[in-house]
Amino acid sequence: LTSTRSPSGQRHYRDTDIDRVGFIQRLY
């Protein structure tokens, strides 16, 4: 999984990452 970082270092994700995380969970 990848994220972008804000200038303050906070991780930001796309809405499509919800599905990606679900897919990763199913593979685990």
mmCIF file of all heavy atoms, coordinates in Angstrom:
data_MODEL
# 
_entry.id   MODEL 
# 
loop_
_atom_site.group_PDB 
_atom_site.id 
_atom_site.type_symbol 
_atom_site.label_atom_id 
_atom_site.label_alt_id 
_atom_site.label_comp_id 
_atom_site.label_asym_id 
_atom_site.label_entity_id 
_atom_site.label_seq_id 
_atom_site.pdbx_PDB_ins_code 
_atom_site.Cartn_x 
_atom_site.Cartn_y 
_atom_site.Cartn_z 
_atom_site.occupancy 
_atom_site.B_iso_or_equiv 
_atom_site.pdbx_formal_charge 
_atom_site.auth_seq_id 
_atom_site.auth_comp_id 
_atom_site.auth_asym_id 
_atom_site.auth_atom_id 
_atom_site.pdbx_PDB_model_num 
ATOM 1   N N   . LEU A 1 1  ? 0.863   -1.176  0.000  1.00 0.00 ? 1  LEU A N   1 
ATOM 2   C CA  . LEU A 1 1  ? 0.000   0.000   0.000  1.00 0.00 ? 1  LEU A CA  1 
ATOM 3   C C   . LEU A 1 1  ? 0.901   1.228   0.000  1.00 0.00 ? 1  LEU A C   1 
ATOM 4   O O   . LEU A 1 1  ? 1.958   1.212   0.630  1.00 0.00 ? 1  LEU A O   1 
ATOM 5   C CB  . LEU A 1 1  ? -0.867  -0.030  1.270  1.00 0.00 ? 1  LEU A CB  1 
ATOM 6   C CG  . LEU A 1 1  ? -1.912  1.042   1.480  1.00 0.00 ? 1  LEU A CG  1 
ATOM 7   C CD1 . LEU A 1 1  ? -3.012  0.928   0.419  1.00 0.00 ? 1  LEU A CD1 1 
ATOM 8   C CD2 . LEU A 1 1  ? -2.521  0.904   2.873  1.00 0.00 ? 1  LEU A CD2 1 
ATOM 9   N N   . THR A 1 2  ? 0.476   2.252   -0.710 1.00 0.00 ? 2  THR A N   1 
ATOM 10  C CA  . THR A 1 2  ? 1.263   3.493   -0.729 1.00 0.00 ? 2  THR A CA  1 
ATOM 11  C C   . THR A 1 2  ? 0.379   4.662   -0.340 1.00 0.00 ? 2  THR A C   1 
ATOM 12  O O   . THR A 1 2  ? -0.840  4.608   -0.480 1.00 0.00 ? 2  THR A O   1 
ATOM 13  C CB  . THR A 1 2  ? 1.868   3.768   -2.121 1.00 0.00 ? 2  THR A CB  1 
ATOM 14  O OG1 . THR A 1 2  ? 0.801   3.850   -3.074 1.00 0.00 ? 2  THR A OG1 1 
ATOM 15  C CG2 . THR A 1 2  ? 2.842   2.689   -2.534 1.00 0.00 ? 2  THR A CG2 1 
ATOM 16  N N   . SER A 1 3  ? 1.030   5.681   0.152  1.00 0.00 ? 3  SER A N   1 
ATOM 17  C CA  . SER A 1 3  ? 0.322   6.908   0.506  1.00 0.00 ? 3  SER A CA  1 
ATOM 18  C C   . SER A 1 3  ? 1.165   8.090   0.059  1.00 0.00 ? 3  SER A C   1 
ATOM 19  O O   . SER A 1 3  ? 2.349   7.941   -0.245 1.00 0.00 ? 3  SER A O   1 
ATOM 20  C CB  . SER A 1 3  ? 0.089   6.972   2.021  1.00 0.00 ? 3  SER A CB  1 
ATOM 21  O OG  . SER A 1 3  ? 1.330   7.077   2.700  1.00 0.00 ? 3  SER A OG  1 
ATOM 22  N N   . THR A 1 4  ? 0.529   9.236   0.040  1.00 0.00 ? 4  THR A N   1 
ATOM 23  C CA  . THR A 1 4  ? 1.276   10.474  -0.148 1.00 0.00 ? 4  THR A CA  1 
ATOM 24  C C   . THR A 1 4  ? 1.385   11.114  1.222  1.00 0.00 ? 4  THR A C   1 
ATOM 25  O O   . THR A 1 4  ? 0.623   10.774  2.131  1.00 0.00 ? 4  THR A O   1 
ATOM 26  C CB  . THR A 1 4  ? 0.558   11.418  -1.132 1.00 0.00 ? 4  THR A CB  1 
ATOM 27  O OG1 . THR A 1 4  ? -0.758  11.686  -0.647 1.00 0.00 ? 4  THR A OG1 1 
ATOM 28  C CG2 . THR A 1 4  ? 0.479   10.798  -2.519 1.00 0.00 ? 4  THR A CG2 1 
ATOM 29  N N   . ARG A 1 5  ? 2.327   12.014  1.364  1.00 0.00 ? 5  ARG A N   1 
ATOM 30  C CA  . ARG A 1 5  ? 2.519   12.680  2.655  1.00 0.00 ? 5  ARG A CA  1 
ATOM 31  C C   . ARG A 1 5  ? 2.215   14.163  2.518  1.00 0.00 ? 5  ARG A C   1 
ATOM 32  O O   . ARG A 1 5  ? 2.602   14.808  1.549  1.00 0.00 ? 5  ARG A O   1 
ATOM 33  C CB  . ARG A 1 5  ? 3.962   12.518  3.147  1.00 0.00 ? 5  ARG A CB  1 
ATOM 34  C CG  . ARG A 1 5  ? 4.384   11.097  3.428  1.00 0.00 ? 5  ARG A CG  1 
ATOM 35  C CD  . ARG A 1 5  ? 3.739   10.575  4.695  1.00 0.00 ? 5  ARG A CD  1 
ATOM 36  N NE  . ARG A 1 5  ? 4.199   9.228   4.985  1.00 0.00 ? 5  ARG A NE  1 
ATOM 37  C CZ  . ARG A 1 5  ? 4.616   8.832   6.158  1.00 0.00 ? 5  ARG A CZ  1 
ATOM 38  N NH1 . ARG A 1 5  ? 4.631   9.652   7.180  1.00 0.00 ? 5  ARG A NH1 1 
ATOM 39  N NH2 . ARG A 1 5  ? 5.001   7.596   6.343  1.00 0.00 ? 5  ARG A NH2 1 
ATOM 40  N N   . SER A 1 6  ? 1.553   14.674  3.517  1.00 0.00 ? 6  SER A N   1 
ATOM 41  C CA  . SER A 1 6  ? 1.302   16.114  3.581  1.00 0.00 ? 6  SER A CA  1 
ATOM 42  C C   . SER A 1 6  ? 2.594   16.794  4.018  1.00 0.00 ? 6  SER A C   1 
ATOM 43  O O   . SER A 1 6  ? 3.521   16.123  4.496  1.00 0.00 ? 6  SER A O   1 
ATOM 44  C CB  . SER A 1 6  ? 0.178   16.403  4.577  1.00 0.00 ? 6  SER A CB  1 
ATOM 45  O OG  . SER A 1 6  ? 0.638   16.175  5.898  1.00 0.00 ? 6  SER A OG  1 
ATOM 46  N N   . PRO A 1 7  ? 2.677   18.117  3.890  1.00 0.00 ? 7  PRO A N   1 
ATOM 47  C CA  . PRO A 1 7  ? 3.883   18.819  4.359  1.00 0.00 ? 7  PRO A CA  1 
ATOM 48  C C   . PRO A 1 7  ? 4.191   18.539  5.832  1.00 0.00 ? 7  PRO A C   1 
ATOM 49  O O   . PRO A 1 7  ? 5.348   18.533  6.246  1.00 0.00 ? 7  PRO A O   1 
ATOM 50  C CB  . PRO A 1 7  ? 3.550   20.295  4.132  1.00 0.00 ? 7  PRO A CB  1 
ATOM 51  C CG  . PRO A 1 7  ? 2.553   20.273  3.019  1.00 0.00 ? 7  PRO A CG  1 
ATOM 52  C CD  . PRO A 1 7  ? 1.755   19.016  3.217  1.00 0.00 ? 7  PRO A CD  1 
ATOM 53  N N   . SER A 1 8  ? 3.152   18.259  6.617  1.00 0.00 ? 8  SER A N   1 
ATOM 54  C CA  . SER A 1 8  ? 3.378   17.968  8.038  1.00 0.00 ? 8  SER A CA  1 
ATOM 55  C C   . SER A 1 8  ? 3.675   16.481  8.283  1.00 0.00 ? 8  SER A C   1 
ATOM 56  O O   . SER A 1 8  ? 3.874   16.067  9.424  1.00 0.00 ? 8  SER A O   1 
ATOM 57  C CB  . SER A 1 8  ? 2.168   18.400  8.864  1.00 0.00 ? 8  SER A CB  1 
ATOM 58  O OG  . SER A 1 8  ? 1.035   17.639  8.477  1.00 0.00 ? 8  SER A OG  1 
ATOM 59  N N   . GLY A 1 9  ? 3.709   15.664  7.212  1.00 0.00 ? 9  GLY A N   1 
ATOM 60  C CA  . GLY A 1 9  ? 4.068   14.254  7.333  1.00 0.00 ? 9  GLY A CA  1 
ATOM 61  C C   . GLY A 1 9  ? 2.902   13.301  7.490  1.00 0.00 ? 9  GLY A C   1 
ATOM 62  O O   . GLY A 1 9  ? 3.106   12.099  7.645  1.00 0.00 ? 9  GLY A O   1 
ATOM 63  N N   . GLN A 1 10 ? 1.662   13.812  7.464  1.00 0.00 ? 10 GLN A N   1 
ATOM 64  C CA  . GLN A 1 10 ? 0.508   12.917  7.603  1.00 0.00 ? 10 GLN A CA  1 
ATOM 65  C C   . GLN A 1 10 ? 0.313   12.113  6.315  1.00 0.00 ? 10 GLN A C   1 
ATOM 66  O O   . GLN A 1 10 ? 0.487   12.626  5.212  1.00 0.00 ? 10 GLN A O   1 
ATOM 67  C CB  . GLN A 1 10 ? -0.760  13.723  7.880  1.00 0.00 ? 10 GLN A CB  1 
ATOM 68  C CG  . GLN A 1 10 ? -0.800  14.345  9.245  1.00 0.00 ? 10 GLN A CG  1 
ATOM 69  C CD  . GLN A 1 10 ? -2.120  15.064  9.499  1.00 0.00 ? 10 GLN A CD  1 
ATOM 70  O OE1 . GLN A 1 10 ? -2.806  15.497  8.572  1.00 0.00 ? 10 GLN A OE1 1 
ATOM 71  N NE2 . GLN A 1 10 ? -2.482  15.176  10.753 1.00 0.00 ? 10 GLN A NE2 1 
ATOM 72  N N   . ARG A 1 11 ? -0.056  10.846  6.496  1.00 0.00 ? 11 ARG A N   1 
ATOM 73  C CA  . ARG A 1 11 ? -0.333  9.978   5.355  1.00 0.00 ? 11 ARG A CA  1 
ATOM 74  C C   . ARG A 1 11 ? -1.707  10.320  4.786  1.00 0.00 ? 11 ARG A C   1 
ATOM 75  O O   . ARG A 1 11 ? -2.660  10.507  5.536  1.00 0.00 ? 11 ARG A O   1 
ATOM 76  C CB  . ARG A 1 11 ? -0.321  8.512   5.785  1.00 0.00 ? 11 ARG A CB  1 
ATOM 77  C CG  . ARG A 1 11 ? 1.020   7.981   6.178  1.00 0.00 ? 11 ARG A CG  1 
ATOM 78  C CD  . ARG A 1 11 ? 0.844   6.549   6.700  1.00 0.00 ? 11 ARG A CD  1 
ATOM 79  N NE  . ARG A 1 11 ? 2.094   5.880   6.888  1.00 0.00 ? 11 ARG A NE  1 
ATOM 80  C CZ  . ARG A 1 11 ? 2.760   5.835   8.044  1.00 0.00 ? 11 ARG A CZ  1 
ATOM 81  N NH1 . ARG A 1 11 ? 2.270   6.437   9.106  1.00 0.00 ? 11 ARG A NH1 1 
ATOM 82  N NH2 . ARG A 1 11 ? 3.902   5.192   8.138  1.00 0.00 ? 11 ARG A NH2 1 
ATOM 83  N N   . HIS A 1 12 ? -1.783  10.295  3.457  1.00 0.00 ? 12 HIS A N   1 
ATOM 84  C CA  . HIS A 1 12 ? -3.064  10.495  2.768  1.00 0.00 ? 12 HIS A CA  1 
ATOM 85  C C   . HIS A 1 12 ? -3.247  9.381   1.743  1.00 0.00 ? 12 HIS A C   1 
ATOM 86  O O   . HIS A 1 12 ? -2.304  9.007   1.043  1.00 0.00 ? 12 HIS A O   1 
ATOM 87  C CB  . HIS A 1 12 ? -3.116  11.864  2.092  1.00 0.00 ? 12 HIS A CB  1 
ATOM 88  C CG  . HIS A 1 12 ? -3.216  12.990  3.061  1.00 0.00 ? 12 HIS A CG  1 
ATOM 89  N ND1 . HIS A 1 12 ? -4.417  13.413  3.576  1.00 0.00 ? 12 HIS A ND1 1 
ATOM 90  C CD2 . HIS A 1 12 ? -2.259  13.756  3.644  1.00 0.00 ? 12 HIS A CD2 1 
ATOM 91  C CE1 . HIS A 1 12 ? -4.194  14.405  4.436  1.00 0.00 ? 12 HIS A CE1 1 
ATOM 92  N NE2 . HIS A 1 12 ? -2.888  14.628  4.493  1.00 0.00 ? 12 HIS A NE2 1 
ATOM 93  N N   . TYR A 1 13 ? -4.461  8.841   1.716  1.00 0.00 ? 13 TYR A N   1 
ATOM 94  C CA  . TYR A 1 13 ? -4.788  7.722   0.835  1.00 0.00 ? 13 TYR A CA  1 
ATOM 95  C C   . TYR A 1 13 ? -5.916  8.104   -0.114 1.00 0.00 ? 13 TYR A C   1 
ATOM 96  O O   . TYR A 1 13 ? -6.693  9.020   0.149  1.00 0.00 ? 13 TYR A O   1 
ATOM 97  C CB  . TYR A 1 13 ? -5.221  6.505   1.667  1.00 0.00 ? 13 TYR A CB  1 
ATOM 98  C CG  . TYR A 1 13 ? -4.152  6.027   2.600  1.00 0.00 ? 13 TYR A CG  1 
ATOM 99  C CD1 . TYR A 1 13 ? -4.068  6.496   3.908  1.00 0.00 ? 13 TYR A CD1 1 
ATOM 100 C CD2 . TYR A 1 13 ? -3.213  5.098   2.182  1.00 0.00 ? 13 TYR A CD2 1 
ATOM 101 C CE1 . TYR A 1 13 ? -3.075  6.059   4.774  1.00 0.00 ? 13 TYR A CE1 1 
ATOM 102 C CE2 . TYR A 1 13 ? -2.223  4.651   3.047  1.00 0.00 ? 13 TYR A CE2 1 
ATOM 103 C CZ  . TYR A 1 13 ? -2.161  5.139   4.329  1.00 0.00 ? 13 TYR A CZ  1 
ATOM 104 O OH  . TYR A 1 13 ? -1.177  4.708   5.177  1.00 0.00 ? 13 TYR A OH  1 
ATOM 105 N N   . ARG A 1 14 ? -6.041  7.315   -1.180 1.00 0.00 ? 14 ARG A N   1 
ATOM 106 C CA  . ARG A 1 14 ? -7.131  7.498   -2.143 1.00 0.00 ? 14 ARG A CA  1 
ATOM 107 C C   . ARG A 1 14 ? -8.333  6.665   -1.693 1.00 0.00 ? 14 ARG A C   1 
ATOM 108 O O   . ARG A 1 14 ? -8.183  5.694   -0.953 1.00 0.00 ? 14 ARG A O   1 
ATOM 109 C CB  . ARG A 1 14 ? -6.687  7.021   -3.524 1.00 0.00 ? 14 ARG A CB  1 
ATOM 110 C CG  . ARG A 1 14 ? -5.464  7.761   -4.065 1.00 0.00 ? 14 ARG A CG  1 
ATOM 111 C CD  . ARG A 1 14 ? -4.854  7.009   -5.208 1.00 0.00 ? 14 ARG A CD  1 
ATOM 112 N NE  . ARG A 1 14 ? -4.403  5.721   -4.640 1.00 0.00 ? 14 ARG A NE  1 
ATOM 113 C CZ  . ARG A 1 14 ? -3.899  4.727   -5.333 1.00 0.00 ? 14 ARG A CZ  1 
ATOM 114 N NH1 . ARG A 1 14 ? -3.766  4.804   -6.613 1.00 0.00 ? 14 ARG A NH1 1 
ATOM 115 N NH2 . ARG A 1 14 ? -3.524  3.609   -4.744 1.00 0.00 ? 14 ARG A NH2 1 
ATOM 116 N N   . ASP A 1 15 ? -9.495  7.015   -2.171 1.00 0.00 ? 15 ASP A N   1 
ATOM 117 C CA  . ASP A 1 15 ? -10.704 6.242   -1.860 1.00 0.00 ? 15 ASP A CA  1 
ATOM 118 C C   . ASP A 1 15 ? -10.576 4.801   -2.353 1.00 0.00 ? 15 ASP A C   1 
ATOM 119 O O   . ASP A 1 15 ? -11.108 3.876   -1.729 1.00 0.00 ? 15 ASP A O   1 
ATOM 120 C CB  . ASP A 1 15 ? -11.939 6.899   -2.476 1.00 0.00 ? 15 ASP A CB  1 
ATOM 121 C CG  . ASP A 1 15 ? -12.327 8.198   -1.788 1.00 0.00 ? 15 ASP A CG  1 
ATOM 122 O OD1 . ASP A 1 15 ? -11.875 8.424   -0.640 1.00 0.00 ? 15 ASP A OD1 1 
ATOM 123 O OD2 . ASP A 1 15 ? -13.069 8.996   -2.396 1.00 0.00 ? 15 ASP A OD2 1 
ATOM 124 N N   . THR A 1 16 ? -9.885  4.592   -3.463 1.00 0.00 ? 16 THR A N   1 
ATOM 125 C CA  . THR A 1 16 ? -9.720  3.236   -4.004 1.00 0.00 ? 16 THR A CA  1 
ATOM 126 C C   . THR A 1 16 ? -8.885  2.343   -3.089 1.00 0.00 ? 16 THR A C   1 
ATOM 127 O O   . THR A 1 16 ? -8.913  1.118   -3.235 1.00 0.00 ? 16 THR A O   1 
ATOM 128 C CB  . THR A 1 16 ? -9.058  3.284   -5.401 1.00 0.00 ? 16 THR A CB  1 
ATOM 129 O OG1 . THR A 1 16 ? -7.810  3.979   -5.301 1.00 0.00 ? 16 THR A OG1 1 
ATOM 130 C CG2 . THR A 1 16 ? -9.959  3.979   -6.415 1.00 0.00 ? 16 THR A CG2 1 
ATOM 131 N N   . ASP A 1 17 ? -8.159  2.943   -2.162 1.00 0.00 ? 17 ASP A N   1 
ATOM 132 C CA  . ASP A 1 17 ? -7.355  2.136   -1.238 1.00 0.00 ? 17 ASP A CA  1 
ATOM 133 C C   . ASP A 1 17 ? -8.219  1.327   -0.278 1.00 0.00 ? 17 ASP A C   1 
ATOM 134 O O   . ASP A 1 17 ? -7.743  0.327   0.275  1.00 0.00 ? 17 ASP A O   1 
ATOM 135 C CB  . ASP A 1 17 ? -6.364  3.021   -0.470 1.00 0.00 ? 17 ASP A CB  1 
ATOM 136 C CG  . ASP A 1 17 ? -5.225  3.499   -1.357 1.00 0.00 ? 17 ASP A CG  1 
ATOM 137 O OD1 . ASP A 1 17 ? -4.846  2.760   -2.294 1.00 0.00 ? 17 ASP A OD1 1 
ATOM 138 O OD2 . ASP A 1 17 ? -4.713  4.611   -1.115 1.00 0.00 ? 17 ASP A OD2 1 
ATOM 139 N N   . ILE A 1 18 ? -9.468  1.717   -0.101 1.00 0.00 ? 18 ILE A N   1 
ATOM 140 C CA  . ILE A 1 18 ? -10.376 0.904   0.737  1.00 0.00 ? 18 ILE A CA  1 
ATOM 141 C C   . ILE A 1 18 ? -10.508 -0.484  0.127  1.00 0.00 ? 18 ILE A C   1 
ATOM 142 O O   . ILE A 1 18 ? -10.374 -1.504  0.816  1.00 0.00 ? 18 ILE A O   1 
ATOM 143 C CB  . ILE A 1 18 ? -11.765 1.577   0.874  1.00 0.00 ? 18 ILE A CB  1 
ATOM 144 C CG1 . ILE A 1 18 ? -11.632 2.932   1.580  1.00 0.00 ? 18 ILE A CG1 1 
ATOM 145 C CG2 . ILE A 1 18 ? -12.734 0.660   1.617  1.00 0.00 ? 18 ILE A CG2 1 
ATOM 146 C CD1 . ILE A 1 18 ? -12.899 3.777   1.516  1.00 0.00 ? 18 ILE A CD1 1 
ATOM 147 N N   . ASP A 1 19 ? -10.744 -0.538  -1.190 1.00 0.00 ? 19 ASP A N   1 
ATOM 148 C CA  . ASP A 1 19 ? -10.861 -1.827  -1.875 1.00 0.00 ? 19 ASP A CA  1 
ATOM 149 C C   . ASP A 1 19 ? -9.535  -2.587  -1.859 1.00 0.00 ? 19 ASP A C   1 
ATOM 150 O O   . ASP A 1 19 ? -9.515  -3.802  -1.702 1.00 0.00 ? 19 ASP A O   1 
ATOM 151 C CB  . ASP A 1 19 ? -11.322 -1.634  -3.314 1.00 0.00 ? 19 ASP A CB  1 
ATOM 152 C CG  . ASP A 1 19 ? -12.758 -1.147  -3.409 1.00 0.00 ? 19 ASP A CG  1 
ATOM 153 O OD1 . ASP A 1 19 ? -13.550 -1.414  -2.482 1.00 0.00 ? 19 ASP A OD1 1 
ATOM 154 O OD2 . ASP A 1 19 ? -13.086 -0.489  -4.419 1.00 0.00 ? 19 ASP A OD2 1 
ATOM 155 N N   . ARG A 1 20 ? -8.435  -1.866  -2.018 1.00 0.00 ? 20 ARG A N   1 
ATOM 156 C CA  . ARG A 1 20 ? -7.123  -2.522  -2.023 1.00 0.00 ? 20 ARG A CA  1 
ATOM 157 C C   . ARG A 1 20 ? -6.854  -3.178  -0.664 1.00 0.00 ? 20 ARG A C   1 
ATOM 158 O O   . ARG A 1 20 ? -6.370  -4.312  -0.604 1.00 0.00 ? 20 ARG A O   1 
ATOM 159 C CB  . ARG A 1 20 ? -6.023  -1.524  -2.361 1.00 0.00 ? 20 ARG A CB  1 
ATOM 160 C CG  . ARG A 1 20 ? -4.656  -2.173  -2.488 1.00 0.00 ? 20 ARG A CG  1 
ATOM 161 C CD  . ARG A 1 20 ? -3.616  -1.133  -2.876 1.00 0.00 ? 20 ARG A CD  1 
ATOM 162 N NE  . ARG A 1 20 ? -2.334  -1.725  -3.145 1.00 0.00 ? 20 ARG A NE  1 
ATOM 163 C CZ  . ARG A 1 20 ? -1.916  -2.156  -4.330 1.00 0.00 ? 20 ARG A CZ  1 
ATOM 164 N NH1 . ARG A 1 20 ? -2.711  -2.074  -5.381 1.00 0.00 ? 20 ARG A NH1 1 
ATOM 165 N NH2 . ARG A 1 20 ? -0.715  -2.668  -4.478 1.00 0.00 ? 20 ARG A NH2 1 
ATOM 166 N N   . VAL A 1 21 ? -7.152  -2.480  0.402  1.00 0.00 ? 21 VAL A N   1 
ATOM 167 C CA  . VAL A 1 21 ? -6.943  -3.047  1.743  1.00 0.00 ? 21 VAL A CA  1 
ATOM 168 C C   . VAL A 1 21 ? -7.825  -4.283  1.927  1.00 0.00 ? 21 VAL A C   1 
ATOM 169 O O   . VAL A 1 21 ? -7.378  -5.298  2.465  1.00 0.00 ? 21 VAL A O   1 
ATOM 170 C CB  . VAL A 1 21 ? -7.207  -1.987  2.834  1.00 0.00 ? 21 VAL A CB  1 
ATOM 171 C CG1 . VAL A 1 21 ? -7.232  -2.626  4.218  1.00 0.00 ? 21 VAL A CG1 1 
ATOM 172 C CG2 . VAL A 1 21 ? -6.153  -0.889  2.773  1.00 0.00 ? 21 VAL A CG2 1 
ATOM 173 N N   . GLY A 1 22 ? -9.064  -4.233  1.459  1.00 0.00 ? 22 GLY A N   1 
ATOM 174 C CA  . GLY A 1 22 ? -9.935  -5.404  1.534  1.00 0.00 ? 22 GLY A CA  1 
ATOM 175 C C   . GLY A 1 22 ? -9.367  -6.583  0.769  1.00 0.00 ? 22 GLY A C   1 
ATOM 176 O O   . GLY A 1 22 ? -9.414  -7.732  1.236  1.00 0.00 ? 22 GLY A O   1 
ATOM 177 N N   . PHE A 1 23 ? -8.814  -6.298  -0.409 1.00 0.00 ? 23 PHE A N   1 
ATOM 178 C CA  . PHE A 1 23 ? -8.197  -7.341  -1.228 1.00 0.00 ? 23 PHE A CA  1 
ATOM 179 C C   . PHE A 1 23 ? -6.990  -7.945  -0.501 1.00 0.00 ? 23 PHE A C   1 
ATOM 180 O O   . PHE A 1 23 ? -6.842  -9.172  -0.433 1.00 0.00 ? 23 PHE A O   1 
ATOM 181 C CB  . PHE A 1 23 ? -7.777  -6.739  -2.579 1.00 0.00 ? 23 PHE A CB  1 
ATOM 182 C CG  . PHE A 1 23 ? -7.116  -7.710  -3.510 1.00 0.00 ? 23 PHE A CG  1 
ATOM 183 C CD1 . PHE A 1 23 ? -7.823  -8.790  -4.040 1.00 0.00 ? 23 PHE A CD1 1 
ATOM 184 C CD2 . PHE A 1 23 ? -5.790  -7.542  -3.882 1.00 0.00 ? 23 PHE A CD2 1 
ATOM 185 C CE1 . PHE A 1 23 ? -7.214  -9.681  -4.916 1.00 0.00 ? 23 PHE A CE1 1 
ATOM 186 C CE2 . PHE A 1 23 ? -5.178  -8.421  -4.749 1.00 0.00 ? 23 PHE A CE2 1 
ATOM 187 C CZ  . PHE A 1 23 ? -5.886  -9.496  -5.270 1.00 0.00 ? 23 PHE A CZ  1 
ATOM 188 N N   . ILE A 1 24 ? -6.150  -7.100  0.061  1.00 0.00 ? 24 ILE A N   1 
ATOM 189 C CA  . ILE A 1 24 ? -4.981  -7.571  0.819  1.00 0.00 ? 24 ILE A CA  1 
ATOM 190 C C   . ILE A 1 24 ? -5.436  -8.431  1.991  1.00 0.00 ? 24 ILE A C   1 
ATOM 191 O O   . ILE A 1 24 ? -4.866  -9.500  2.246  1.00 0.00 ? 24 ILE A O   1 
ATOM 192 C CB  . ILE A 1 24 ? -4.124  -6.376  1.290  1.00 0.00 ? 24 ILE A CB  1 
ATOM 193 C CG1 . ILE A 1 24 ? -3.473  -5.682  0.090  1.00 0.00 ? 24 ILE A CG1 1 
ATOM 194 C CG2 . ILE A 1 24 ? -3.074  -6.823  2.302  1.00 0.00 ? 24 ILE A CG2 1 
ATOM 195 C CD1 . ILE A 1 24 ? -2.859  -4.327  0.410  1.00 0.00 ? 24 ILE A CD1 1 
ATOM 196 N N   . GLN A 1 25 ? -6.470  -8.001  2.685  1.00 0.00 ? 25 GLN A N   1 
ATOM 197 C CA  . GLN A 1 25 ? -6.995  -8.771  3.823  1.00 0.00 ? 25 GLN A CA  1 
ATOM 198 C C   . GLN A 1 25 ? -7.477  -10.153 3.379  1.00 0.00 ? 25 GLN A C   1 
ATOM 199 O O   . GLN A 1 25 ? -7.229  -11.152 4.065  1.00 0.00 ? 25 GLN A O   1 
ATOM 200 C CB  . GLN A 1 25 ? -8.163  -8.012  4.466  1.00 0.00 ? 25 GLN A CB  1 
ATOM 201 C CG  . GLN A 1 25 ? -7.744  -6.800  5.273  1.00 0.00 ? 25 GLN A CG  1 
ATOM 202 C CD  . GLN A 1 25 ? -7.218  -7.224  6.624  1.00 0.00 ? 25 GLN A CD  1 
ATOM 203 O OE1 . GLN A 1 25 ? -7.934  -7.739  7.454  1.00 0.00 ? 25 GLN A OE1 1 
ATOM 204 N NE2 . GLN A 1 25 ? -5.933  -7.007  6.837  1.00 0.00 ? 25 GLN A NE2 1 
ATOM 205 N N   . ARG A 1 26 ? -8.149  -10.219 2.233  1.00 0.00 ? 26 ARG A N   1 
ATOM 206 C CA  . ARG A 1 26 ? -8.631  -11.518 1.736  1.00 0.00 ? 26 ARG A CA  1 
ATOM 207 C C   . ARG A 1 26 ? -7.460  -12.440 1.390  1.00 0.00 ? 26 ARG A C   1 
ATOM 208 O O   . ARG A 1 26 ? -7.514  -13.648 1.649  1.00 0.00 ? 26 ARG A O   1 
ATOM 209 C CB  . ARG A 1 26 ? -9.557  -11.327 0.540  1.00 0.00 ? 26 ARG A CB  1 
ATOM 210 C CG  . ARG A 1 26 ? -10.910 -10.759 0.923  1.00 0.00 ? 26 ARG A CG  1 
ATOM 211 C CD  . ARG A 1 26 ? -11.918 -10.787 -0.225 1.00 0.00 ? 26 ARG A CD  1 
ATOM 212 N NE  . ARG A 1 26 ? -11.511 -9.995  -1.377 1.00 0.00 ? 26 ARG A NE  1 
ATOM 213 C CZ  . ARG A 1 26 ? -11.645 -8.668  -1.491 1.00 0.00 ? 26 ARG A CZ  1 
ATOM 214 N NH1 . ARG A 1 26 ? -12.187 -7.983  -0.492 1.00 0.00 ? 26 ARG A NH1 1 
ATOM 215 N NH2 . ARG A 1 26 ? -11.271 -8.042  -2.584 1.00 0.00 ? 26 ARG A NH2 1 
ATOM 216 N N   . LEU A 1 27 ? -6.397  -11.883 0.822  1.00 0.00 ? 27 LEU A N   1 
ATOM 217 C CA  . LEU A 1 27 ? -5.238  -12.705 0.490  1.00 0.00 ? 27 LEU A CA  1 
ATOM 218 C C   . LEU A 1 27 ? -4.545  -13.218 1.752  1.00 0.00 ? 27 LEU A C   1 
ATOM 219 O O   . LEU A 1 27 ? -4.128  -14.380 1.805  1.00 0.00 ? 27 LEU A O   1 
ATOM 220 C CB  . LEU A 1 27 ? -4.259  -11.914 -0.387 1.00 0.00 ? 27 LEU A CB  1 
ATOM 221 C CG  . LEU A 1 27 ? -4.780  -11.556 -1.781 1.00 0.00 ? 27 LEU A CG  1 
ATOM 222 C CD1 . LEU A 1 27 ? -3.765  -10.693 -2.525 1.00 0.00 ? 27 LEU A CD1 1 
ATOM 223 C CD2 . LEU A 1 27 ? -5.127  -12.795 -2.590 1.00 0.00 ? 27 LEU A CD2 1 
ATOM 224 N N   . TYR A 1 28 ? -4.448  -12.370 2.767  1.00 0.00 ? 28 TYR A N   1 
ATOM 225 C CA  . TYR A 1 28 ? -3.903  -12.832 4.046  1.00 0.00 ? 28 TYR A CA  1 
ATOM 226 C C   . TYR A 1 28 ? -4.787  -13.929 4.634  1.00 0.00 ? 28 TYR A C   1 
ATOM 227 O O   . TYR A 1 28 ? -4.291  -14.937 5.137  1.00 0.00 ? 28 TYR A O   1 
ATOM 228 C CB  . TYR A 1 28 ? -3.783  -11.684 5.055  1.00 0.00 ? 28 TYR A CB  1 
ATOM 229 C CG  . TYR A 1 28 ? -2.503  -10.885 4.961  1.00 0.00 ? 28 TYR A CG  1 
ATOM 230 C CD1 . TYR A 1 28 ? -2.536  -9.518  4.740  1.00 0.00 ? 28 TYR A CD1 1 
ATOM 231 C CD2 . TYR A 1 28 ? -1.264  -11.494 5.116  1.00 0.00 ? 28 TYR A CD2 1 
ATOM 232 C CE1 . TYR A 1 28 ? -1.372  -8.772  4.662  1.00 0.00 ? 28 TYR A CE1 1 
ATOM 233 C CE2 . TYR A 1 28 ? -0.086  -10.753 5.042  1.00 0.00 ? 28 TYR A CE2 1 
ATOM 234 C CZ  . TYR A 1 28 ? -0.147  -9.404  4.812  1.00 0.00 ? 28 TYR A CZ  1 
ATOM 235 O OH  . TYR A 1 28 ? 1.003   -8.678  4.738  1.00 0.00 ? 28 TYR A OH  1 
# 
